[in-house]
């Protein structure tokens, strides 16, 4: 059984080097999918990111992440 590391937006921001605001406003529900890459415990506003899923989908494979100034970053 694989362990799951839950991260806050700020903790994820530190790991992937994206601003936490950018993660919340641009990546959620476009690149990061609720139920796959993050959860809202007890149906609340707080978001916890599932690090192993993000790492598997974005670090180990090539994924396009939209950039603020336009264009995309290939992961």
PDB file of N, CA and C in Angstrom:
ATOM      1  N   UNK A   1       0.830  -1.179   0.000  1.00  0.00           N
ATOM      2  CA  UNK A   1       0.000   0.000   0.000  1.00  0.00           C
ATOM      3  C   UNK A   1       0.881   1.252   0.000  1.00  0.00           C
ATOM      4  N   UNK A   2       0.543   2.191  -0.867  1.00  0.00           N
ATOM      5  CA  UNK A   2       1.323   3.410  -0.995  1.00  0.00           C
ATOM      6  C   UNK A   2       0.866   4.441   0.034  1.00  0.00           C
ATOM      7  N   UNK A   3       1.831   5.084   0.689  1.00  0.00           N
ATOM      8  CA  UNK A   3       1.458   6.140   1.627  1.00  0.00           C
ATOM      9  C   UNK A   3       1.143   7.415   0.842  1.00  0.00           C
ATOM     10  N   UNK A   4       0.318   8.250   1.416  1.00  0.00           N
ATOM     11  CA  UNK A   4      -0.091   9.481   0.759  1.00  0.00           C
ATOM     12  C   UNK A   4       0.421  10.654   1.579  1.00  0.00           C
ATOM     13  N   UNK A   5       1.071  11.594   0.903  1.00  0.00           N
ATOM     14  CA  UNK A   5       1.543  12.807   1.537  1.00  0.00           C
ATOM     15  C   UNK A   5       0.591  13.932   1.170  1.00  0.00           C
ATOM     16  N   UNK A   6      -0.067  14.491   2.170  1.00  0.00           N
ATOM     17  CA  UNK A   6      -0.995  15.596   1.952  1.00  0.00           C
ATOM     18  C   UNK A   6      -0.245  16.907   2.142  1.00  0.00           C
ATOM     19  N   UNK A   7      -0.393  17.816   1.188  1.00  0.00           N
ATOM     20  CA  UNK A   7       0.281  19.102   1.248  1.00  0.00           C
ATOM     21  C   UNK A   7      -0.728  20.240   1.175  1.00  0.00           C
ATOM     22  N   UNK A   8      -0.446  21.314   1.897  1.00  0.00           N
ATOM     23  CA  UNK A   8      -1.241  22.532   1.740  1.00  0.00           C
ATOM     24  C   UNK A   8      -0.796  23.214   0.451  1.00  0.00           C
ATOM     25  N   UNK A   9      -1.511  24.243   0.052  1.00  0.00           N
ATOM     26  CA  UNK A   9      -1.138  24.981  -1.150  1.00  0.00           C
ATOM     27  C   UNK A   9       0.265  25.580  -1.006  1.00  0.00           C
ATOM     28  N   UNK A  10       0.567  26.095   0.161  1.00  0.00           N
ATOM     29  CA  UNK A  10       1.877  26.698   0.401  1.00  0.00           C
ATOM     30  C   UNK A  10       2.993  25.658   0.322  1.00  0.00           C
ATOM     31  N   UNK A  11       2.755  24.470   0.873  1.00  0.00           N
ATOM     32  CA  UNK A  11       3.758  23.407   0.825  1.00  0.00           C
ATOM     33  C   UNK A  11       3.969  22.931  -0.611  1.00  0.00           C
ATOM     34  N   UNK A  12       2.885  22.800  -1.369  1.00  0.00           N
ATOM     35  CA  UNK A  12       3.009  22.417  -2.778  1.00  0.00           C
ATOM     36  C   UNK A  12       3.775  23.485  -3.542  1.00  0.00           C
ATOM     37  N   UNK A  13       3.484  24.736  -3.253  1.00  0.00           N
ATOM     38  CA  UNK A  13       4.163  25.860  -3.894  1.00  0.00           C
ATOM     39  C   UNK A  13       5.674  25.764  -3.718  1.00  0.00           C
ATOM     40  N   UNK A  14       6.112  25.420  -2.529  1.00  0.00           N
ATOM     41  CA  UNK A  14       7.545  25.279  -2.254  1.00  0.00           C
ATOM     42  C   UNK A  14       8.163  24.133  -3.061  1.00  0.00           C
ATOM     43  N   UNK A  15       7.425  23.058  -3.227  1.00  0.00           N
ATOM     44  CA  UNK A  15       7.962  21.887  -3.936  1.00  0.00           C
ATOM     45  C   UNK A  15       8.037  22.079  -5.441  1.00  0.00           C
ATOM     46  N   UNK A  16       7.014  22.709  -6.023  1.00  0.00           N
ATOM     47  CA  UNK A  16       6.995  22.827  -7.481  1.00  0.00           C
ATOM     48  C   UNK A  16       7.413  24.209  -7.965  1.00  0.00           C
ATOM     49  N   UNK A  17       7.743  25.113  -7.053  1.00  0.00           N
ATOM     50  CA  UNK A  17       8.253  26.447  -7.378  1.00  0.00           C
ATOM     51  C   UNK A  17       7.260  27.291  -8.176  1.00  0.00           C
ATOM     52  N   UNK A  18       5.995  27.191  -7.814  1.00  0.00           N
ATOM     53  CA  UNK A  18       4.945  28.044  -8.360  1.00  0.00           C
ATOM     54  C   UNK A  18       4.330  28.798  -7.195  1.00  0.00           C
ATOM     55  N   UNK A  19       3.944  30.029  -7.423  1.00  0.00           N
ATOM     56  CA  UNK A  19       3.293  30.833  -6.405  1.00  0.00           C
ATOM     57  C   UNK A  19       1.989  30.160  -5.979  1.00  0.00           C
ATOM     58  N   UNK A  20       1.692  30.190  -4.690  1.00  0.00           N
ATOM     59  CA  UNK A  20       0.484  29.520  -4.190  1.00  0.00           C
ATOM     60  C   UNK A  20      -0.785  30.125  -4.790  1.00  0.00           C
ATOM     61  N   UNK A  21      -0.782  31.407  -5.019  1.00  0.00           N
ATOM     62  CA  UNK A  21      -1.948  32.053  -5.641  1.00  0.00           C
ATOM     63  C   UNK A  21      -2.152  31.546  -7.073  1.00  0.00           C
ATOM     64  N   UNK A  22      -1.047  31.382  -7.797  1.00  0.00           N
ATOM     65  CA  UNK A  22      -1.127  30.868  -9.163  1.00  0.00           C
ATOM     66  C   UNK A  22      -1.676  29.438  -9.169  1.00  0.00           C
ATOM     67  N   UNK A  23      -1.262  28.647  -8.207  1.00  0.00           N
ATOM     68  CA  UNK A  23      -1.770  27.278  -8.098  1.00  0.00           C
ATOM     69  C   UNK A  23      -3.279  27.304  -7.894  1.00  0.00           C
ATOM     70  N   UNK A  24      -3.740  28.096  -6.937  1.00  0.00           N
ATOM     71  CA  UNK A  24      -5.176  28.163  -6.639  1.00  0.00           C
ATOM     72  C   UNK A  24      -5.988  28.708  -7.806  1.00  0.00           C
ATOM     73  N   UNK A  25      -5.495  29.769  -8.454  1.00  0.00           N
ATOM     74  CA  UNK A  25      -6.286  30.452  -9.473  1.00  0.00           C
ATOM     75  C   UNK A  25      -6.167  29.858 -10.873  1.00  0.00           C
ATOM     76  N   UNK A  26      -5.010  29.301 -11.221  1.00  0.00           N
ATOM     77  CA  UNK A  26      -4.790  28.857 -12.600  1.00  0.00           C
ATOM     78  C   UNK A  26      -4.675  27.343 -12.775  1.00  0.00           C
ATOM     79  N   UNK A  27      -4.057  26.655 -11.812  1.00  0.00           N
ATOM     80  CA  UNK A  27      -3.803  25.227 -12.000  1.00  0.00           C
ATOM     81  C   UNK A  27      -4.946  24.343 -11.514  1.00  0.00           C
ATOM     82  N   UNK A  28      -5.632  24.780 -10.447  1.00  0.00           N
ATOM     83  CA  UNK A  28      -6.750  23.968  -9.953  1.00  0.00           C
ATOM     84  C   UNK A  28      -7.839  23.873 -11.011  1.00  0.00           C
ATOM     85  N   UNK A  29      -8.322  22.676 -11.214  1.00  0.00           N
ATOM     86  CA  UNK A  29      -9.407  22.351 -12.141  1.00  0.00           C
ATOM     87  C   UNK A  29      -9.048  22.517 -13.614  1.00  0.00           C
ATOM     88  N   UNK A  30      -7.788  22.818 -13.918  1.00  0.00           N
ATOM     89  CA  UNK A  30      -7.331  22.785 -15.307  1.00  0.00           C
ATOM     90  C   UNK A  30      -6.233  21.742 -15.434  1.00  0.00           C
ATOM     91  N   UNK A  31      -5.188  21.896 -14.643  1.00  0.00           N
ATOM     92  CA  UNK A  31      -4.071  20.948 -14.640  1.00  0.00           C
ATOM     93  C   UNK A  31      -4.175  20.005 -13.448  1.00  0.00           C
ATOM     94  N   UNK A  32      -4.527  20.565 -12.307  1.00  0.00           N
ATOM     95  CA  UNK A  32      -4.724  19.764 -11.098  1.00  0.00           C
ATOM     96  C   UNK A  32      -6.219  19.512 -10.938  1.00  0.00           C
ATOM     97  N   UNK A  33      -6.598  18.255 -10.901  1.00  0.00           N
ATOM     98  CA  UNK A  33      -8.001  17.869 -10.904  1.00  0.00           C
ATOM     99  C   UNK A  33      -8.432  17.416  -9.509  1.00  0.00           C
ATOM    100  N   UNK A  34      -9.570  17.970  -9.055  1.00  0.00           N
ATOM    101  CA  UNK A  34     -10.111  17.580  -7.753  1.00  0.00           C
ATOM    102  C   UNK A  34     -10.477  16.097  -7.772  1.00  0.00           C
ATOM    103  N   UNK A  35     -10.097  15.393  -6.723  1.00  0.00           N
ATOM    104  CA  UNK A  35     -10.351  13.963  -6.633  1.00  0.00           C
ATOM    105  C   UNK A  35      -9.192  13.138  -7.161  1.00  0.00           C
ATOM    106  N   UNK A  36      -8.381  13.728  -8.018  1.00  0.00           N
ATOM    107  CA  UNK A  36      -7.193  13.054  -8.543  1.00  0.00           C
ATOM    108  C   UNK A  36      -5.929  13.617  -7.916  1.00  0.00           C
ATOM    109  N   UNK A  37      -5.777  14.934  -7.964  1.00  0.00           N
ATOM    110  CA  UNK A  37      -4.580  15.603  -7.464  1.00  0.00           C
ATOM    111  C   UNK A  37      -4.791  16.343  -6.155  1.00  0.00           C
ATOM    112  N   UNK A  38      -6.031  16.619  -5.819  1.00  0.00           N
ATOM    113  CA  UNK A  38      -6.315  17.267  -4.541  1.00  0.00           C
ATOM    114  C   UNK A  38      -7.707  16.896  -4.048  1.00  0.00           C
ATOM    115  N   UNK A  39      -7.876  17.083  -2.739  1.00  0.00           N
ATOM    116  CA  UNK A  39      -9.163  16.797  -2.100  1.00  0.00           C
ATOM    117  C   UNK A  39      -9.536  17.974  -1.207  1.00  0.00           C
ATOM    118  N   UNK A  40     -10.814  18.049  -0.919  1.00  0.00           N
ATOM    119  CA  UNK A  40     -11.337  19.027   0.035  1.00  0.00           C
ATOM    120  C   UNK A  40     -11.912  18.218   1.199  1.00  0.00           C
ATOM    121  N   UNK A  41     -11.132  18.040   2.266  1.00  0.00           N
ATOM    122  CA  UNK A  41     -11.603  17.229   3.387  1.00  0.00           C
ATOM    123  C   UNK A  41     -12.909  17.770   3.967  1.00  0.00           C
ATOM    124  N   UNK A  42     -13.841  16.883   4.176  1.00  0.00           N
ATOM    125  CA  UNK A  42     -15.129  17.195   4.789  1.00  0.00           C
ATOM    126  C   UNK A  42     -15.913  18.240   3.994  1.00  0.00           C
ATOM    127  N   UNK A  43     -15.639  18.374   2.695  1.00  0.00           N
ATOM    128  CA  UNK A  43     -16.369  19.311   1.852  1.00  0.00           C
ATOM    129  C   UNK A  43     -16.077  20.772   2.147  1.00  0.00           C
ATOM    130  N   UNK A  44     -14.984  21.030   2.786  1.00  0.00           N
ATOM    131  CA  UNK A  44     -14.632  22.385   3.201  1.00  0.00           C
ATOM    132  C   UNK A  44     -13.844  23.126   2.127  1.00  0.00           C
ATOM    133  N   UNK A  45     -13.509  24.382   2.417  1.00  0.00           N
ATOM    134  CA  UNK A  45     -12.718  25.207   1.500  1.00  0.00           C
ATOM    135  C   UNK A  45     -11.260  24.783   1.461  1.00  0.00           C
ATOM    136  N   UNK A  46     -10.755  24.264   2.559  1.00  0.00           N
ATOM    137  CA  UNK A  46      -9.347  23.867   2.645  1.00  0.00           C
ATOM    138  C   UNK A  46      -9.049  22.803   1.600  1.00  0.00           C
ATOM    139  N   UNK A  47      -7.927  22.969   0.910  1.00  0.00           N
ATOM    140  CA  UNK A  47      -7.513  22.016  -0.114  1.00  0.00           C
ATOM    141  C   UNK A  47      -6.241  21.329   0.354  1.00  0.00           C
ATOM    142  N   UNK A  48      -6.209  20.008   0.208  1.00  0.00           N
ATOM    143  CA  UNK A  48      -5.001  19.226   0.472  1.00  0.00           C
ATOM    144  C   UNK A  48      -4.613  18.519  -0.822  1.00  0.00           C
ATOM    145  N   UNK A  49      -3.373  18.715  -1.214  1.00  0.00           N
ATOM    146  CA  UNK A  49      -2.867  18.136  -2.453  1.00  0.00           C
ATOM    147  C   UNK A  49      -2.231  16.789  -2.171  1.00  0.00           C
ATOM    148  N   UNK A  50      -2.418  15.858  -3.086  1.00  0.00           N
ATOM    149  CA  UNK A  50      -1.892  14.503  -2.962  1.00  0.00           C
ATOM    150  C   UNK A  50      -0.562  14.447  -3.715  1.00  0.00           C
ATOM    151  N   UNK A  51       0.529  14.587  -2.977  1.00  0.00           N
ATOM    152  CA  UNK A  51       1.842  14.747  -3.579  1.00  0.00           C
ATOM    153  C   UNK A  51       2.219  13.594  -4.512  1.00  0.00           C
ATOM    154  N   UNK A  52       2.001  12.375  -4.105  1.00  0.00           N
ATOM    155  CA  UNK A  52       2.420  11.231  -4.930  1.00  0.00           C
ATOM    156  C   UNK A  52       1.710  11.238  -6.288  1.00  0.00           C
ATOM    157  N   UNK A  53       0.441  11.606  -6.321  1.00  0.00           N
ATOM    158  CA  UNK A  53      -0.293  11.686  -7.600  1.00  0.00           C
ATOM    159  C   UNK A  53       0.243  12.807  -8.476  1.00  0.00           C
ATOM    160  N   UNK A  54       0.519  13.954  -7.866  1.00  0.00           N
ATOM    161  CA  UNK A  54       1.074  15.079  -8.625  1.00  0.00           C
ATOM    162  C   UNK A  54       2.443  14.709  -9.154  1.00  0.00           C
ATOM    163  N   UNK A  55       3.260  14.132  -8.308  1.00  0.00           N
ATOM    164  CA  UNK A  55       4.606  13.718  -8.711  1.00  0.00           C
ATOM    165  C   UNK A  55       4.533  12.710  -9.850  1.00  0.00           C
ATOM    166  N   UNK A  56       3.674  11.735  -9.731  1.00  0.00           N
ATOM    167  CA  UNK A  56       3.518  10.703 -10.754  1.00  0.00           C
ATOM    168  C   UNK A  56       3.059  11.311 -12.079  1.00  0.00           C
ATOM    169  N   UNK A  57       2.059  12.161 -12.038  1.00  0.00           N
ATOM    170  CA  UNK A  57       1.471  12.701 -13.263  1.00  0.00           C
ATOM    171  C   UNK A  57       2.277  13.831 -13.880  1.00  0.00           C
ATOM    172  N   UNK A  58       2.975  14.622 -13.075  1.00  0.00           N
ATOM    173  CA  UNK A  58       3.611  15.818 -13.603  1.00  0.00           C
ATOM    174  C   UNK A  58       5.123  15.805 -13.577  1.00  0.00           C
ATOM    175  N   UNK A  59       5.709  15.142 -12.642  1.00  0.00           N
ATOM    176  CA  UNK A  59       7.164  15.120 -12.551  1.00  0.00           C
ATOM    177  C   UNK A  59       7.742  14.005 -13.424  1.00  0.00           C
ATOM    178  N   UNK A  60       7.139  12.840 -13.393  1.00  0.00           N
ATOM    179  CA  UNK A  60       7.665  11.691 -14.116  1.00  0.00           C
ATOM    180  C   UNK A  60       7.228  11.628 -15.566  1.00  0.00           C
ATOM    181  N   UNK A  61       6.199  12.369 -15.946  1.00  0.00           N
ATOM    182  CA  UNK A  61       5.748  12.389 -17.330  1.00  0.00           C
ATOM    183  C   UNK A  61       5.795  13.807 -17.847  1.00  0.00           C
ATOM    184  N   UNK A  62       5.771  13.959 -19.140  1.00  0.00           N
ATOM    185  CA  UNK A  62       5.812  15.294 -19.714  1.00  0.00           C
ATOM    186  C   UNK A  62       4.409  15.874 -19.741  1.00  0.00           C
ATOM    187  N   UNK A  63       4.249  16.982 -19.037  1.00  0.00           N
ATOM    188  CA  UNK A  63       2.946  17.628 -18.930  1.00  0.00           C
ATOM    189  C   UNK A  63       3.120  19.108 -19.252  1.00  0.00           C
ATOM    190  N   UNK A  64       2.163  19.689 -19.929  1.00  0.00           N
ATOM    191  CA  UNK A  64       2.196  21.104 -20.236  1.00  0.00           C
ATOM    192  C   UNK A  64       1.497  21.884 -19.134  1.00  0.00           C
ATOM    193  N   UNK A  65       2.204  22.858 -18.568  1.00  0.00           N
ATOM    194  CA  UNK A  65       1.636  23.713 -17.538  1.00  0.00           C
ATOM    195  C   UNK A  65       1.592  25.128 -18.100  1.00  0.00           C
ATOM    196  N   UNK A  66       0.407  25.755 -18.096  1.00  0.00           N
ATOM    197  CA  UNK A  66       0.307  27.107 -18.650  1.00  0.00           C
ATOM    198  C   UNK A  66       1.094  28.114 -17.819  1.00  0.00           C
ATOM    199  N   UNK A  67       1.738  29.058 -18.498  1.00  0.00           N
ATOM    200  CA  UNK A  67       2.511  30.097 -17.831  1.00  0.00           C
ATOM    201  C   UNK A  67       1.723  31.400 -17.800  1.00  0.00           C
ATOM    202  N   UNK A  68       1.960  32.188 -16.785  1.00  0.00           N
ATOM    203  CA  UNK A  68       1.237  33.448 -16.602  1.00  0.00           C
ATOM    204  C   UNK A  68       1.429  34.378 -17.802  1.00  0.00           C
ATOM    205  N   UNK A  69       2.642  34.460 -18.327  1.00  0.00           N
ATOM    206  CA  UNK A  69       2.939  35.371 -19.432  1.00  0.00           C
ATOM    207  C   UNK A  69       2.556  34.791 -20.790  1.00  0.00           C
ATOM    208  N   UNK A  70       1.906  33.647 -20.773  1.00  0.00           N
ATOM    209  CA  UNK A  70       1.544  32.991 -22.012  1.00  0.00           C
ATOM    210  C   UNK A  70       2.499  31.848 -22.301  1.00  0.00           C
ATOM    211  N   UNK A  71       2.123  30.999 -23.200  1.00  0.00           N
ATOM    212  CA  UNK A  71       2.939  29.832 -23.510  1.00  0.00           C
ATOM    213  C   UNK A  71       2.741  28.732 -22.488  1.00  0.00           C
ATOM    214  N   UNK A  72       3.562  27.693 -22.595  1.00  0.00           N
ATOM    215  CA  UNK A  72       3.455  26.564 -21.687  1.00  0.00           C
ATOM    216  C   UNK A  72       4.843  26.109 -21.265  1.00  0.00           C
ATOM    217  N   UNK A  73       4.879  25.469 -20.129  1.00  0.00           N
ATOM    218  CA  UNK A  73       6.106  24.869 -19.605  1.00  0.00           C
ATOM    219  C   UNK A  73       5.923  23.358 -19.706  1.00  0.00           C
ATOM    220  N   UNK A  74       6.846  22.694 -20.315  1.00  0.00           N
ATOM    221  CA  UNK A  74       6.790  21.234 -20.395  1.00  0.00           C
ATOM    222  C   UNK A  74       7.523  20.657 -19.204  1.00  0.00           C
ATOM    223  N   UNK A  75       6.796  19.860 -18.389  1.00  0.00           N
ATOM    224  CA  UNK A  75       7.369  19.278 -17.179  1.00  0.00           C
ATOM    225  C   UNK A  75       8.162  18.051 -17.425  1.00  0.00           C
TER     226      UNK A  75
END
